[in-house]
C-alpha cells in the first residue's frame, strides 16, 4: 500500500513537470546541512568573475558614449549638478537615469578621470549581482550545484562583457543590482509572508527604474515565478487576484518610468516601420539573442546595421522558427519543468523593450546588442543548469561527476572567452578595430577609427578610414567633410581640391564638394575658381541651409575684398 502511494506521488510530480521534489537541502526556508558548500561556491564565483574580467582593470575609456557620460562631461564638474541630474525637466543628461549619473558624479569627485576606478566599480557590481543571482536561484528551490552553475553562467557568459567592460553600461550593473534585490525580496516575501520584504521589493524596484527603464519588465517575470513556485508547492498558495495585486504597484511604477523616458529622450528614433517589418525585426532579434546565448563565438561591440527587406526570404526564416518553437513549447508544456518554463519566459520578457516592437534611440545604429542580454542571462543560465542536471540524471551513479565535469567545461570555456572579449574593450583603438574587423564594410568602425586618429592629431592615419567611411555613406556630408579635413592636414589643400574634383565627376550634384573645394581654392589663392564653386553651392544646396548660408557668406567676403570673380 505504501509503495503504491509513493508511485502515485511520483506520477503526480512528473505530471506537474517536476520529476522529483526539491531535495531537503534546497528547499527555501530550511537550514542547509552543508552551508559551507555555499560559501565555497560563492567564493569561487567571486574569484572566477574577477579573473575573467582582469583585463578591464587596466582599461581606459572608449569613445562610444563614455565621452558623453564621463570623459568630456562638464556636468560632472559642477558641484551643484545633482539638482540638475534629478530634475526630470532639465534634460542635462542623455537619459533620465538619476542614480546612474549621480554615481558618475560621485566617482568623478572621488578619482576624477581615472578610468580604471570606474571599471573596478563596474566589475564589483557585477560580482555582487552574481551572488544575488545565486541567492535568487536557491530561493527558487533548486539544488546548490545547479544554482552555482546558473550564477556562474550569469557572471561569466561572454555576452556580459558589453555590460561590465563598458563604463557607460553602469546602467546595467547598477540597475541589475536593484532589480535582483527586488526579485530576491519578493521571493522571500512570498515564502515568509513578511510584508516588510515586499516593501523592500518596491523600494529596490524604484532604484532599478531610476537606473534603467528596461527593468520595468520585472513584475511580469515575478508573476510567472510565483506561478511556477506555487505549482511546485514551494510558496503559499495565492489566487491570481492576490498575485496581480502584488504586481499592480510595480506595473504602475514601470508605466510611469516608461512615460518619463519617452518624454526625456532628446533624439527619439522616428523611422517608421510597418507591422510586418516590426514582426521581422523582433523575430530575427529573438533568434539572434538565443543564438548569442547558446554560441557566443562571434560577438561584436557594435553589430552591423540591419536593412529590413520584406521581399527577402531570409528575413522570414526567423518568424518561421519562432512559430515552430512556440508550437513545440505549447505541445510539450506538460513535460517542461516549471522552472525551465519560467527561465525561458524570463529570458525573453526582459528583452521585450528592445526586441524592436518599440522604437528607441539605439536602433539608429543597429537593432541588437549584447548589453541588452544582461538580466536575460539569469533565465538562460538557470535553464542551462537544469538541463545539465537532467542530462546527468540519466546515469545516477555517475551523475554528480558528470554534472561537475560538464559544468566545469562550460564555465571554463565561458571564462576564457570572456577574458579574450575584454581585451577588445581595453581602449578606444582596440574597440573600434574590433568593430571594423567584425563588419569590414560597416560605416561605424571606419568612421570612428578616423575619429580616433583625428582626436590624437594623427591625420595621415585618419585619412584611409575617413575615405572608406565616405565611400560607404556617400550620401551624407559629415563623413565627406571629415575626410576632406584629414586629407587637408595630411597632404595639403591641393590634395583636397583634387579629391573634390574626382567626387564631382562621379556625382555632379554633391554640393558639399563644391563648398569644400571652394574653400581650399581660396586658400591656394584661386579666388575666381572659389567664387564659381560658391555659386554652384548656392544653386544646389537647399536655400537657407547651413551650406547655403556658408557659401553666401564666403562669396560676399570675396566680393568685399574685390577678389576676381567675387
Protein backbone atom coordinates (compact mmCIF):
# COMPACT_ATOMS: atom_id res chain seq x y z
CA UNK A 1 0.00 0.00 0.00
CA UNK A 2 2.83 2.41 0.91
CA UNK A 3 4.70 1.57 -2.27
CA UNK A 4 1.60 2.26 -4.38
CA UNK A 5 1.19 5.65 -2.71
CA UNK A 6 4.81 6.51 -3.40
CA UNK A 7 4.37 5.55 -7.07
CA UNK A 8 1.24 7.73 -7.28
CA UNK A 9 3.13 10.64 -5.74
CA UNK A 10 5.97 10.25 -8.24
CA UNK A 11 3.48 10.11 -11.11
CA UNK A 12 1.81 13.28 -9.85
CA UNK A 13 5.15 15.04 -9.62
CA UNK A 14 6.01 14.02 -13.18
CA UNK A 15 2.66 15.27 -14.48
CA UNK A 16 3.33 18.63 -12.82
CA UNK A 17 6.53 18.89 -14.79
CA UNK A 18 8.96 18.14 -11.95
CA UNK A 19 10.13 14.55 -11.78
CA UNK A 20 11.22 14.74 -8.16
CA UNK A 21 10.58 17.04 -5.21
CA UNK A 22 13.22 19.55 -4.29
CA UNK A 23 15.88 17.98 -2.09
CA UNK A 24 15.73 18.97 1.54
CA UNK A 25 18.96 20.87 1.17
CA UNK A 26 17.43 23.10 -1.47
CA UNK A 27 14.00 23.92 -0.12
CA UNK A 28 13.62 27.60 0.72
CA UNK A 29 13.47 28.34 4.38
CA UNK A 30 15.13 25.13 5.56
CA UNK A 31 18.58 25.11 7.08
CA UNK A 32 21.29 23.94 4.72
CA UNK A 33 23.09 20.93 6.22
CA UNK A 34 26.23 21.74 4.21
CA UNK A 35 26.15 25.52 4.25
CA UNK A 36 29.92 25.58 3.88
CA UNK A 37 29.45 24.37 0.31
CA UNK A 38 27.51 27.51 -0.50
CA UNK A 39 30.31 29.58 0.93
CA UNK A 40 32.77 27.74 -1.32
CA UNK A 41 30.51 28.27 -4.32
CA UNK A 42 30.22 31.98 -3.53
CA UNK A 43 33.97 32.41 -3.05
CA UNK A 44 34.72 30.51 -6.27
CA UNK A 45 32.14 32.61 -8.11
CA UNK A 46 33.74 35.86 -6.95
CA UNK A 47 37.24 34.68 -7.81
CA UNK A 48 36.25 33.42 -11.25
CA UNK A 49 34.46 36.69 -12.03
CA UNK A 50 37.44 38.83 -11.03
CA UNK A 51 39.88 36.67 -13.02
CA UNK A 52 37.69 36.66 -16.13
CA UNK A 53 37.42 40.45 -16.08
CA UNK A 54 41.05 41.07 -15.15
CA UNK A 55 41.85 42.89 -18.45
CA UNK A 56 39.31 45.60 -17.63
CA UNK A 57 41.25 46.75 -14.55
CA UNK A 58 43.78 48.48 -16.81
CA UNK A 59 41.30 49.53 -19.48
CA UNK A 60 40.51 53.09 -20.50
CA UNK A 61 37.53 54.95 -21.86
CA UNK A 62 36.05 54.17 -25.25
CA UNK A 63 34.54 56.92 -27.34
CA UNK A 64 31.19 55.20 -27.65
CA UNK A 65 29.17 57.15 -25.08
CA UNK A 66 31.95 57.19 -22.46
CA UNK A 67 32.88 60.69 -23.61
CA UNK A 68 29.32 61.92 -23.10
CA UNK A 69 28.69 60.15 -19.80
CA UNK A 70 32.06 60.79 -18.14
CA UNK A 71 35.18 61.73 -20.08
CA UNK A 72 34.03 65.01 -21.68
CA UNK A 73 31.06 65.73 -19.42
CA UNK A 74 31.01 69.24 -18.00
CA UNK A 75 28.09 68.24 -15.78
CA UNK A 76 30.25 66.08 -13.53
CA UNK A 77 32.50 69.02 -12.71
CA UNK A 78 29.58 71.07 -11.41
CA UNK A 79 29.26 70.85 -7.61
CA UNK A 80 25.57 71.69 -7.99
CA UNK A 81 25.00 69.02 -10.67
CA UNK A 82 22.91 66.68 -8.53
CA UNK A 83 19.94 69.06 -8.68
CA UNK A 84 20.09 69.03 -12.47
CA UNK A 85 20.60 65.27 -12.60
CA UNK A 86 17.48 64.60 -10.54
CA UNK A 87 15.34 67.21 -12.31
CA UNK A 88 13.28 65.34 -14.95
CA UNK A 89 12.72 68.59 -16.85
CA UNK A 90 16.35 69.71 -17.02
CA UNK A 91 17.44 67.41 -19.88
CA UNK A 92 21.08 67.81 -18.88
CA UNK A 93 21.78 64.07 -19.21
CA UNK A 94 21.31 61.59 -22.06
CA UNK A 95 18.54 59.70 -20.23
CA UNK A 96 16.65 60.22 -17.02
CA UNK A 97 18.67 57.70 -15.01
CA UNK A 98 19.46 59.86 -11.97
CA UNK A 99 21.03 57.08 -9.89
CA UNK A 100 23.46 56.31 -12.71
CA UNK A 101 24.52 59.90 -13.26
CA UNK A 102 24.70 60.54 -9.53
CA UNK A 103 27.08 57.59 -9.33
CA UNK A 104 29.21 59.05 -12.14
CA UNK A 105 29.22 62.40 -10.33
CA UNK A 106 30.35 60.77 -7.09
CA UNK A 107 33.03 58.73 -8.84
CA UNK A 108 34.33 61.80 -10.67
CA UNK A 109 34.71 63.65 -7.40
CA UNK A 110 36.48 60.65 -5.86
CA UNK A 111 39.01 59.80 -8.56
CA UNK A 112 38.50 62.19 -11.46
CA UNK A 113 39.08 60.63 -14.87
CA UNK A 114 40.97 57.56 -13.72
CA UNK A 115 39.19 55.07 -15.98
CA UNK A 116 40.50 52.08 -14.05
CA UNK A 117 38.48 53.03 -10.98
CA UNK A 118 35.26 53.23 -13.00
CA UNK A 119 35.99 49.75 -14.34
CA UNK A 120 36.63 48.38 -10.84
CA UNK A 121 33.23 49.68 -9.73
CA UNK A 122 31.50 48.04 -12.69
CA UNK A 123 33.20 44.68 -12.15
CA UNK A 124 32.48 44.88 -8.44
CA UNK A 125 28.78 45.49 -9.04
CA UNK A 126 28.68 42.58 -11.49
CA UNK A 127 30.29 40.28 -8.95
CA UNK A 128 27.73 41.30 -6.33
CA UNK A 129 24.96 40.70 -8.87
CA UNK A 130 26.30 37.20 -9.48
CA UNK A 131 25.97 36.47 -5.77
CA UNK A 132 22.42 37.81 -5.83
CA UNK A 133 21.61 35.50 -8.74
CA UNK A 134 22.97 32.61 -6.67
CA UNK A 135 20.67 33.61 -3.80
CA UNK A 136 17.64 34.04 -6.09
CA UNK A 137 18.09 30.67 -7.76
CA UNK A 138 18.46 28.99 -4.37
CA UNK A 139 15.28 30.77 -3.28
CA UNK A 140 13.55 29.18 -6.27
CA UNK A 141 14.31 25.83 -4.68
CA UNK A 142 16.95 24.22 -6.89
CA UNK A 143 19.92 22.26 -5.61
CA UNK A 144 23.02 24.29 -4.67
CA UNK A 145 25.20 22.88 -7.51
CA UNK A 146 22.53 23.86 -10.05
CA UNK A 147 22.29 27.33 -8.52
CA UNK A 148 26.08 27.67 -8.63
CA UNK A 149 26.20 26.82 -12.35
CA UNK A 150 23.35 29.22 -13.12
CA UNK A 151 25.03 32.08 -11.23
CA UNK A 152 28.40 31.33 -12.81
CA UNK A 153 26.86 31.41 -16.29
CA UNK A 154 25.36 34.79 -15.49
CA UNK A 155 28.75 36.02 -14.27
CA UNK A 156 31.00 34.52 -16.92
CA UNK A 157 28.98 34.44 -20.14
CA UNK A 158 30.94 36.38 -22.81
CA UNK A 159 27.88 38.45 -23.77
CA UNK A 160 28.12 40.12 -20.35
CA UNK A 161 31.38 41.82 -21.33
CA UNK A 162 29.44 44.55 -23.14
CA UNK A 163 27.77 45.45 -19.83
CA UNK A 164 30.71 45.03 -17.49
CA UNK A 165 33.70 46.28 -19.50
CA UNK A 166 31.85 49.34 -20.84
CA UNK A 167 31.86 52.25 -18.40
CA UNK A 168 28.69 53.64 -19.99
CA UNK A 169 26.83 50.44 -19.07
CA UNK A 170 26.93 51.18 -15.37
CA UNK A 171 23.25 51.46 -16.28
CA UNK A 172 23.12 47.66 -16.47
CA UNK A 173 25.20 46.69 -13.47
CA UNK A 174 23.59 49.29 -11.18
CA UNK A 175 20.02 48.68 -12.34
CA UNK A 176 20.77 44.95 -12.18
CA UNK A 177 21.73 45.31 -8.51
CA UNK A 178 18.37 46.86 -7.62
CA UNK A 179 16.43 44.55 -9.96
CA UNK A 180 17.92 41.42 -8.39
CA UNK A 181 17.43 42.78 -4.87
CA UNK A 182 13.77 43.41 -5.71
CA UNK A 183 13.34 39.88 -7.09
CA UNK A 184 15.01 38.33 -4.04
CA UNK A 185 12.89 40.40 -1.65
CA UNK A 186 9.70 39.38 -3.48
CA UNK A 187 10.55 35.68 -3.30
CA UNK A 188 11.30 35.94 0.41
CA UNK A 189 8.05 37.82 0.92
CA UNK A 190 6.14 35.02 -0.78
CA UNK A 191 7.93 32.36 1.26
CA UNK A 192 7.69 34.07 4.64
CA UNK A 193 4.63 36.26 4.21
CA UNK A 194 6.57 39.25 5.62
CA UNK A 195 5.24 42.47 4.12
CA UNK A 196 8.45 44.27 5.05
CA UNK A 197 10.15 42.16 2.40
CA UNK A 198 7.50 43.26 -0.11
CA UNK A 199 8.17 46.90 0.84
CA UNK A 200 11.87 46.32 0.22
CA UNK A 201 10.94 44.84 -3.15
CA UNK A 202 9.08 48.01 -4.16
CA UNK A 203 11.89 50.25 -2.92
CA UNK A 204 14.54 48.28 -4.82
CA UNK A 205 12.36 48.27 -7.94
CA UNK A 206 12.22 52.08 -7.84
CA UNK A 207 16.02 52.07 -7.68
CA UNK A 208 16.13 49.81 -10.73
CA UNK A 209 13.80 52.08 -12.72
CA UNK A 210 15.87 55.13 -11.76
CA UNK A 211 18.89 53.36 -13.21
CA UNK A 212 17.44 51.88 -16.41
CA UNK A 213 13.91 51.72 -17.78
CA UNK A 214 14.36 48.25 -19.31
CA UNK A 215 13.90 46.85 -15.78
CA UNK A 216 10.17 47.63 -15.95
CA UNK A 217 9.60 44.04 -17.07
CA UNK A 218 10.29 42.70 -13.57
CA UNK A 219 6.62 42.40 -12.47
CA UNK A 220 5.79 40.08 -15.37
CA UNK A 221 8.74 37.85 -14.53
CA UNK A 222 7.76 37.73 -10.85
CA UNK A 223 4.16 36.80 -11.64
CA UNK A 224 5.36 33.82 -13.69
CA UNK A 225 7.88 32.85 -11.00
CA UNK A 226 5.05 32.94 -8.45
CA UNK A 227 3.01 30.63 -10.67
CA UNK A 228 5.91 28.19 -11.07
CA UNK A 229 6.66 28.08 -7.35
CA UNK A 230 3.00 27.55 -6.49
CA UNK A 231 2.85 24.65 -8.93
CA UNK A 232 5.89 23.14 -7.24
CA UNK A 233 4.48 23.74 -3.76
CA UNK A 234 7.39 25.93 -2.70
CA UNK A 235 5.38 29.01 -1.69
CA UNK A 236 2.00 29.50 -0.09
CA UNK A 237 -0.97 29.22 -2.41
CA UNK A 238 -2.39 32.52 -3.63
CA UNK A 239 -5.09 33.26 -6.15
CA UNK A 240 -4.44 35.11 -9.36
CA UNK A 241 -6.08 38.23 -7.93
CA UNK A 242 -3.71 38.24 -4.94
CA UNK A 243 -0.67 37.76 -7.16
CA UNK A 244 -1.72 40.50 -9.58
CA UNK A 245 -2.48 42.81 -6.65
CA UNK A 246 1.14 42.46 -5.58
CA UNK A 247 2.31 43.20 -9.12
CA UNK A 248 -0.01 46.18 -9.67
CA UNK A 249 2.10 48.80 -7.81
CA UNK A 250 5.18 47.69 -9.74
CA UNK A 251 3.29 47.87 -13.03
CA UNK A 252 2.22 51.42 -12.21
CA UNK A 253 5.80 52.42 -11.34
CA UNK A 254 7.09 50.84 -14.53
CA UNK A 255 4.50 52.64 -16.65
CA UNK A 256 5.45 55.95 -15.06
CA UNK A 257 9.14 55.30 -15.73
CA UNK A 258 8.35 54.44 -19.34
CA UNK A 259 6.44 57.69 -19.83
CA UNK A 260 9.27 59.72 -18.31
CA UNK A 261 11.78 58.01 -20.60
CA UNK A 262 9.66 58.70 -23.69
CA UNK A 263 9.34 62.36 -22.70
CA UNK A 264 13.01 62.71 -21.77
CA UNK A 265 14.68 61.24 -24.84
CA UNK A 266 16.19 64.12 -26.80
CA UNK A 267 16.67 62.29 -30.09
CA UNK A 268 13.74 59.91 -30.49
CA UNK A 269 14.14 57.24 -33.14
CA UNK A 270 11.46 58.12 -35.64
CA UNK A 271 11.97 55.65 -38.50
CA UNK A 272 8.53 54.35 -39.43
CA UNK A 273 8.14 50.57 -39.62
CA UNK A 274 5.13 48.71 -40.91
CA UNK A 275 3.69 45.97 -38.67
CA UNK A 276 5.20 43.34 -40.97
CA UNK A 277 8.65 44.92 -40.73
CA UNK A 278 8.35 45.06 -36.94
CA UNK A 279 7.46 41.35 -36.96
CA UNK A 280 10.59 40.60 -38.98
CA UNK A 281 12.82 42.73 -36.76
CA UNK A 282 11.51 41.34 -33.46
CA UNK A 283 11.62 37.68 -34.50
CA UNK A 284 15.09 38.00 -36.02
CA UNK A 285 16.24 39.73 -32.84
CA UNK A 286 14.71 36.95 -30.71
CA UNK A 287 16.59 34.36 -32.76
CA UNK A 288 19.79 36.40 -32.57
CA UNK A 289 19.69 36.53 -28.76
CA UNK A 290 19.02 32.80 -28.46
CA UNK A 291 21.95 32.07 -30.77
CA UNK A 292 24.19 34.50 -28.90
CA UNK A 293 23.41 32.80 -25.61
CA UNK A 294 23.97 29.29 -26.93
CA UNK A 295 27.02 30.04 -29.10
CA UNK A 296 28.76 33.31 -28.09
CA UNK A 297 31.51 32.92 -30.69
CA UNK A 298 31.06 35.90 -32.98
CA UNK A 299 30.46 38.78 -30.62
CA UNK A 300 30.96 42.40 -31.57
CA UNK A 301 30.93 45.61 -29.51
CA UNK A 302 28.61 47.05 -32.18
CA UNK A 303 26.80 44.74 -34.57
CA UNK A 304 26.22 45.55 -38.27
CA UNK A 305 23.23 47.63 -39.18
CA UNK A 306 20.18 45.68 -40.31
CA UNK A 307 18.34 46.59 -43.52
CA UNK A 308 14.87 45.07 -43.36
CA UNK A 309 13.57 43.65 -46.63
CA UNK A 310 10.10 42.11 -46.66
CA UNK A 311 10.80 40.63 -50.09
CA UNK A 312 13.95 38.78 -48.97
CA UNK A 313 13.11 35.19 -47.96
CA UNK A 314 15.99 35.11 -45.46
CA UNK A 315 14.16 37.58 -43.23
CA UNK A 316 11.26 35.13 -42.98
CA UNK A 317 13.30 32.25 -41.58
CA UNK A 318 13.23 33.70 -38.06
CA UNK A 319 9.42 34.14 -37.90
CA UNK A 320 9.02 30.55 -39.07
CA UNK A 321 11.47 29.20 -36.49
CA UNK A 322 9.86 31.28 -33.74
CA UNK A 323 6.42 29.94 -34.68
CA UNK A 324 7.71 26.35 -34.67
CA UNK A 325 9.42 26.87 -31.30
CA UNK A 326 6.25 28.37 -29.81
CA UNK A 327 4.18 25.45 -31.13
CA UNK A 328 6.64 22.95 -29.69
CA UNK A 329 6.55 24.65 -26.30
CA UNK A 330 2.75 24.62 -26.26
CA UNK A 331 2.59 20.98 -27.34
CA UNK A 332 5.14 19.87 -24.76
CA UNK A 333 4.13 22.22 -21.96
CA UNK A 334 3.20 19.38 -19.60
CA UNK A 335 6.64 17.85 -19.93
CA UNK A 336 8.60 21.05 -19.44
CA UNK A 337 9.68 21.58 -15.81
CA UNK A 338 8.12 24.68 -14.32
CA UNK A 339 11.42 26.41 -13.61
CA UNK A 340 12.66 25.75 -17.14
CA UNK A 341 9.46 27.31 -18.48
CA UNK A 342 9.98 30.30 -16.22
CA UNK A 343 13.65 30.58 -17.27
CA UNK A 344 12.80 30.73 -20.97
CA UNK A 345 9.98 33.17 -20.33
CA UNK A 346 12.21 35.40 -18.21
CA UNK A 347 14.90 35.36 -20.92
CA UNK A 348 12.51 36.95 -23.40
CA UNK A 349 10.39 39.04 -21.03
CA UNK A 350 13.42 41.15 -20.14
CA UNK A 351 14.10 41.64 -23.86
CA UNK A 352 10.61 42.84 -24.81
CA UNK A 353 11.51 46.57 -24.64
CA UNK A 354 14.46 46.07 -27.03
CA UNK A 355 13.27 43.43 -29.49
CA UNK A 356 12.03 46.00 -31.98
CA UNK A 357 8.37 46.05 -31.01
CA UNK A 358 9.02 49.57 -29.68
CA UNK A 359 11.33 52.21 -31.13
CA UNK A 360 14.31 53.54 -29.19
CA UNK A 361 17.44 55.52 -29.95
CA UNK A 362 19.98 52.69 -30.14
CA UNK A 363 18.20 51.39 -33.24
CA UNK A 364 19.69 54.36 -35.08
CA UNK A 365 22.89 52.27 -35.22
CA UNK A 366 21.77 48.64 -35.00
CA UNK A 367 18.86 46.53 -33.81
CA UNK A 368 20.72 44.20 -31.45
CA UNK A 369 23.41 44.49 -28.78
CA UNK A 370 24.95 42.16 -26.22
CA UNK A 371 24.32 44.51 -23.33
CA UNK A 372 20.56 44.06 -23.74
CA UNK A 373 21.06 40.46 -22.54
CA UNK A 374 22.35 41.36 -19.09
CA UNK A 375 19.33 40.34 -17.00
CA UNK A 376 18.07 37.79 -19.52
CA UNK A 377 21.04 35.61 -18.65
CA UNK A 378 19.52 34.92 -15.24
CA UNK A 379 16.90 32.83 -17.03
CA UNK A 380 19.27 31.49 -19.65
CA UNK A 381 21.77 30.37 -17.03
CA UNK A 382 19.14 28.61 -14.93
CA UNK A 383 17.69 26.77 -17.94
CA UNK A 384 21.16 25.57 -18.95
CA UNK A 385 21.99 24.49 -15.39
CA UNK A 386 18.77 22.49 -15.05
CA UNK A 387 19.48 20.96 -18.45
CA UNK A 388 22.89 19.79 -17.24
CA UNK A 389 21.32 18.34 -14.08
CA UNK A 390 18.67 16.47 -16.08
CA UNK A 391 21.20 15.11 -18.55
CA UNK A 392 23.44 13.92 -15.74
CA UNK A 393 20.48 12.20 -14.03
CA UNK A 394 20.30 9.62 -16.83
CA UNK A 395 23.25 7.91 -15.13
CA UNK A 396 22.56 8.12 -11.37
CA UNK A 397 25.87 6.56 -10.35
CA UNK A 398 27.94 8.95 -12.43
CA UNK A 399 25.56 11.92 -12.20
CA UNK A 400 27.50 14.08 -9.73
CA UNK A 401 30.77 13.63 -11.59
CA UNK A 402 29.18 14.08 -14.99
CA UNK A 403 27.39 17.21 -13.89
CA UNK A 404 30.53 18.64 -12.34
CA UNK A 405 32.59 17.87 -15.46
CA UNK A 406 30.03 19.32 -17.88
CA UNK A 407 29.52 22.42 -15.76
CA UNK A 408 33.24 22.96 -15.29
CA UNK A 409 33.96 22.60 -19.00
CA UNK A 410 31.21 25.01 -19.98
CA UNK A 411 32.14 27.60 -17.38
CA UNK A 412 35.86 27.40 -18.16
CA UNK A 413 35.10 27.95 -21.83
CA UNK A 414 32.92 30.94 -20.97
CA UNK A 415 35.57 32.42 -18.68
CA UNK A 416 38.28 32.12 -21.35
CA UNK A 417 36.03 33.69 -23.99
CA UNK A 418 35.10 36.47 -21.57
CA UNK A 419 38.75 37.20 -20.82
CA UNK A 420 39.51 37.39 -24.55
CA UNK A 421 36.47 39.56 -25.23
CA UNK A 422 37.55 42.00 -22.52
CA UNK A 423 40.76 42.71 -24.44
CA UNK A 424 38.69 44.26 -27.22
CA UNK A 425 37.38 46.84 -24.74
CA UNK A 426 40.75 47.82 -23.28
CA UNK A 427 40.93 51.16 -25.14
CA UNK A 428 39.31 53.14 -27.92
CA UNK A 429 41.58 51.82 -30.68
CA UNK A 430 41.04 48.17 -29.74
CA UNK A 431 37.29 48.75 -29.51
CA UNK A 432 36.81 50.26 -32.94
CA UNK A 433 39.30 47.92 -34.56
CA UNK A 434 37.18 45.03 -33.32
CA UNK A 435 34.04 46.67 -34.70
CA UNK A 436 35.71 47.17 -38.08
CA UNK A 437 37.04 43.60 -38.14
CA UNK A 438 33.59 42.19 -37.40
CA UNK A 439 31.97 44.42 -40.04
CA UNK A 440 34.60 45.31 -42.69
CA UNK A 441 32.04 47.11 -44.85
CA UNK A 442 30.34 48.90 -41.95
CA UNK A 443 30.35 52.64 -41.54
CA UNK A 444 30.78 52.96 -37.78
CA UNK A 445 34.06 51.09 -37.48
CA UNK A 446 35.82 53.07 -40.21
CA UNK A 447 34.37 56.43 -39.23
CA UNK A 448 35.25 56.07 -35.56
CA UNK A 449 38.74 54.80 -36.28
CA UNK A 450 39.13 58.00 -38.27
CA UNK A 451 37.82 59.92 -35.28
CA UNK A 452 40.29 58.13 -33.02
CA UNK A 453 43.29 59.29 -35.04
CA UNK A 454 41.77 62.74 -35.58
CA UNK A 455 41.41 63.14 -31.82
CA UNK A 456 45.12 62.35 -31.46
CA UNK A 457 46.12 64.67 -34.33
CA UNK A 458 47.39 61.73 -36.42
CA UNK A 459 45.88 62.95 -39.67
CA UNK A 460 47.66 60.64 -42.11
CA UNK A 461 46.40 57.61 -40.18
CA UNK A 462 42.87 59.02 -40.17
CA UNK A 463 42.69 59.55 -43.94
CA UNK A 464 42.08 55.94 -45.14
CA UNK A 465 39.38 55.33 -42.54
CA UNK A 466 37.53 58.54 -43.35
CA UNK A 467 37.86 57.82 -47.07
CA UNK A 468 36.27 54.40 -46.62
CA UNK A 469 33.53 55.82 -44.39
CA UNK A 470 32.75 58.46 -47.02
CA UNK A 471 32.53 55.73 -49.65
CA UNK A 472 30.18 53.60 -47.54
CA UNK A 473 27.83 56.51 -46.83
CA UNK A 474 28.37 58.56 -49.92
CA UNK A 475 25.07 60.41 -49.50
CA UNK A 476 25.97 62.09 -46.18
CA UNK A 477 28.13 65.19 -45.86
CA UNK A 478 29.73 64.80 -42.43
CA UNK A 479 31.87 61.77 -43.36
CA UNK A 480 32.99 63.52 -46.54
CA UNK A 481 33.87 66.69 -44.64
CA UNK A 482 35.91 64.73 -42.08
CA UNK A 483 37.73 63.04 -44.94
CA UNK A 484 38.46 66.40 -46.53
CA UNK A 485 39.67 67.81 -43.22
CA UNK A 486 42.05 64.91 -42.58
CA UNK A 487 43.33 64.94 -46.15
CA UNK A 488 43.97 68.67 -45.96
CA UNK A 489 46.02 68.30 -42.78
CA UNK A 490 47.92 65.30 -44.13
CA UNK A 491 48.54 66.33 -47.76
CA UNK A 492 47.54 69.96 -48.17
CA UNK A 493 44.82 71.99 -49.87
CA UNK A 494 45.72 70.88 -53.42
CA UNK A 495 45.05 67.24 -52.49
CA UNK A 496 41.59 68.20 -51.23
CA UNK A 497 40.85 70.10 -54.45
CA UNK A 498 41.78 67.03 -56.49
CA UNK A 499 39.69 64.76 -54.28
CA UNK A 500 36.63 67.05 -54.55
CA UNK A 501 37.05 67.26 -58.33
CA UNK A 502 37.06 63.47 -58.60
CA UNK A 503 33.99 63.25 -56.40
CA UNK A 504 32.11 65.79 -58.53
CA UNK A 505 32.88 63.85 -61.67
CA UNK A 506 31.07 60.89 -60.15
CA UNK A 507 28.32 62.93 -58.52
CA UNK A 508 27.92 66.43 -60.02
CA UNK A 509 25.06 67.27 -57.65
CA UNK A 510 27.00 66.70 -54.42
CA UNK A 511 27.15 70.31 -53.31
CA UNK A 512 29.30 69.80 -50.15
CA UNK A 513 32.18 69.00 -52.53
CA UNK A 514 31.72 72.37 -54.29
CA UNK A 515 31.74 74.20 -50.96
CA UNK A 516 34.79 72.32 -49.68
CA UNK A 517 36.68 72.75 -52.94
CA UNK A 518 35.87 76.44 -52.96
CA UNK A 519 37.36 76.90 -49.52
CA UNK A 520 40.55 75.08 -50.48
CA UNK A 521 40.87 77.02 -53.74
CA UNK A 522 40.57 80.20 -51.75
CA UNK A 523 43.46 79.00 -49.56
CA UNK A 524 45.52 78.47 -52.72
CA UNK A 525 44.70 81.98 -53.99
CA UNK A 526 42.40 80.78 -56.77
CA UNK A 527 39.64 83.20 -55.92
CA UNK A 528 37.89 83.03 -59.29
CA UNK A 529 37.60 79.25 -59.06
CA UNK A 530 36.46 79.57 -55.44
CA UNK A 531 33.74 82.05 -56.41
CA UNK A 532 32.42 79.67 -59.07
CA UNK A 533 32.26 76.83 -56.57
CA UNK A 534 30.42 79.01 -54.07
CA UNK A 535 27.97 79.95 -56.79
CA UNK A 536 27.43 76.24 -57.62
CA UNK A 537 26.79 75.56 -53.95
CA UNK A 538 24.14 78.29 -53.85
CA UNK A 539 22.46 76.75 -56.87
CA UNK A 540 22.40 73.19 -55.48
CA UNK A 541 22.13 73.46 -51.68
CA UNK A 542 18.71 73.87 -50.02
CA UNK A 543 18.03 77.56 -49.55
CA UNK A 544 18.84 78.80 -46.01
CA UNK A 545 20.60 75.54 -45.15
CA UNK A 546 23.92 75.76 -43.30
CA UNK A 547 25.84 75.07 -46.51
CA UNK A 548 23.84 77.65 -48.48
CA UNK A 549 24.44 80.31 -45.83
CA UNK A 550 28.14 79.44 -45.64
CA UNK A 551 28.54 79.72 -49.41
CA UNK A 552 26.71 83.05 -49.46
CA UNK A 553 28.90 84.41 -46.65
CA UNK A 554 32.11 83.33 -48.34
CA UNK A 555 31.05 84.75 -51.70
CA UNK A 556 30.19 88.07 -50.02
CA UNK A 557 33.62 88.11 -48.33
CA UNK A 558 35.31 87.59 -51.69
CA UNK A 559 33.29 90.43 -53.18
CA UNK A 560 34.14 92.73 -50.25
CA UNK A 561 37.82 92.09 -50.85
CA UNK A 562 37.40 92.81 -54.54
CA UNK A 563 38.76 89.43 -55.48
CA UNK A 564 38.42 88.33 -59.13
CA UNK A 565 35.20 86.52 -59.67
CA UNK A 566 33.80 87.99 -56.44
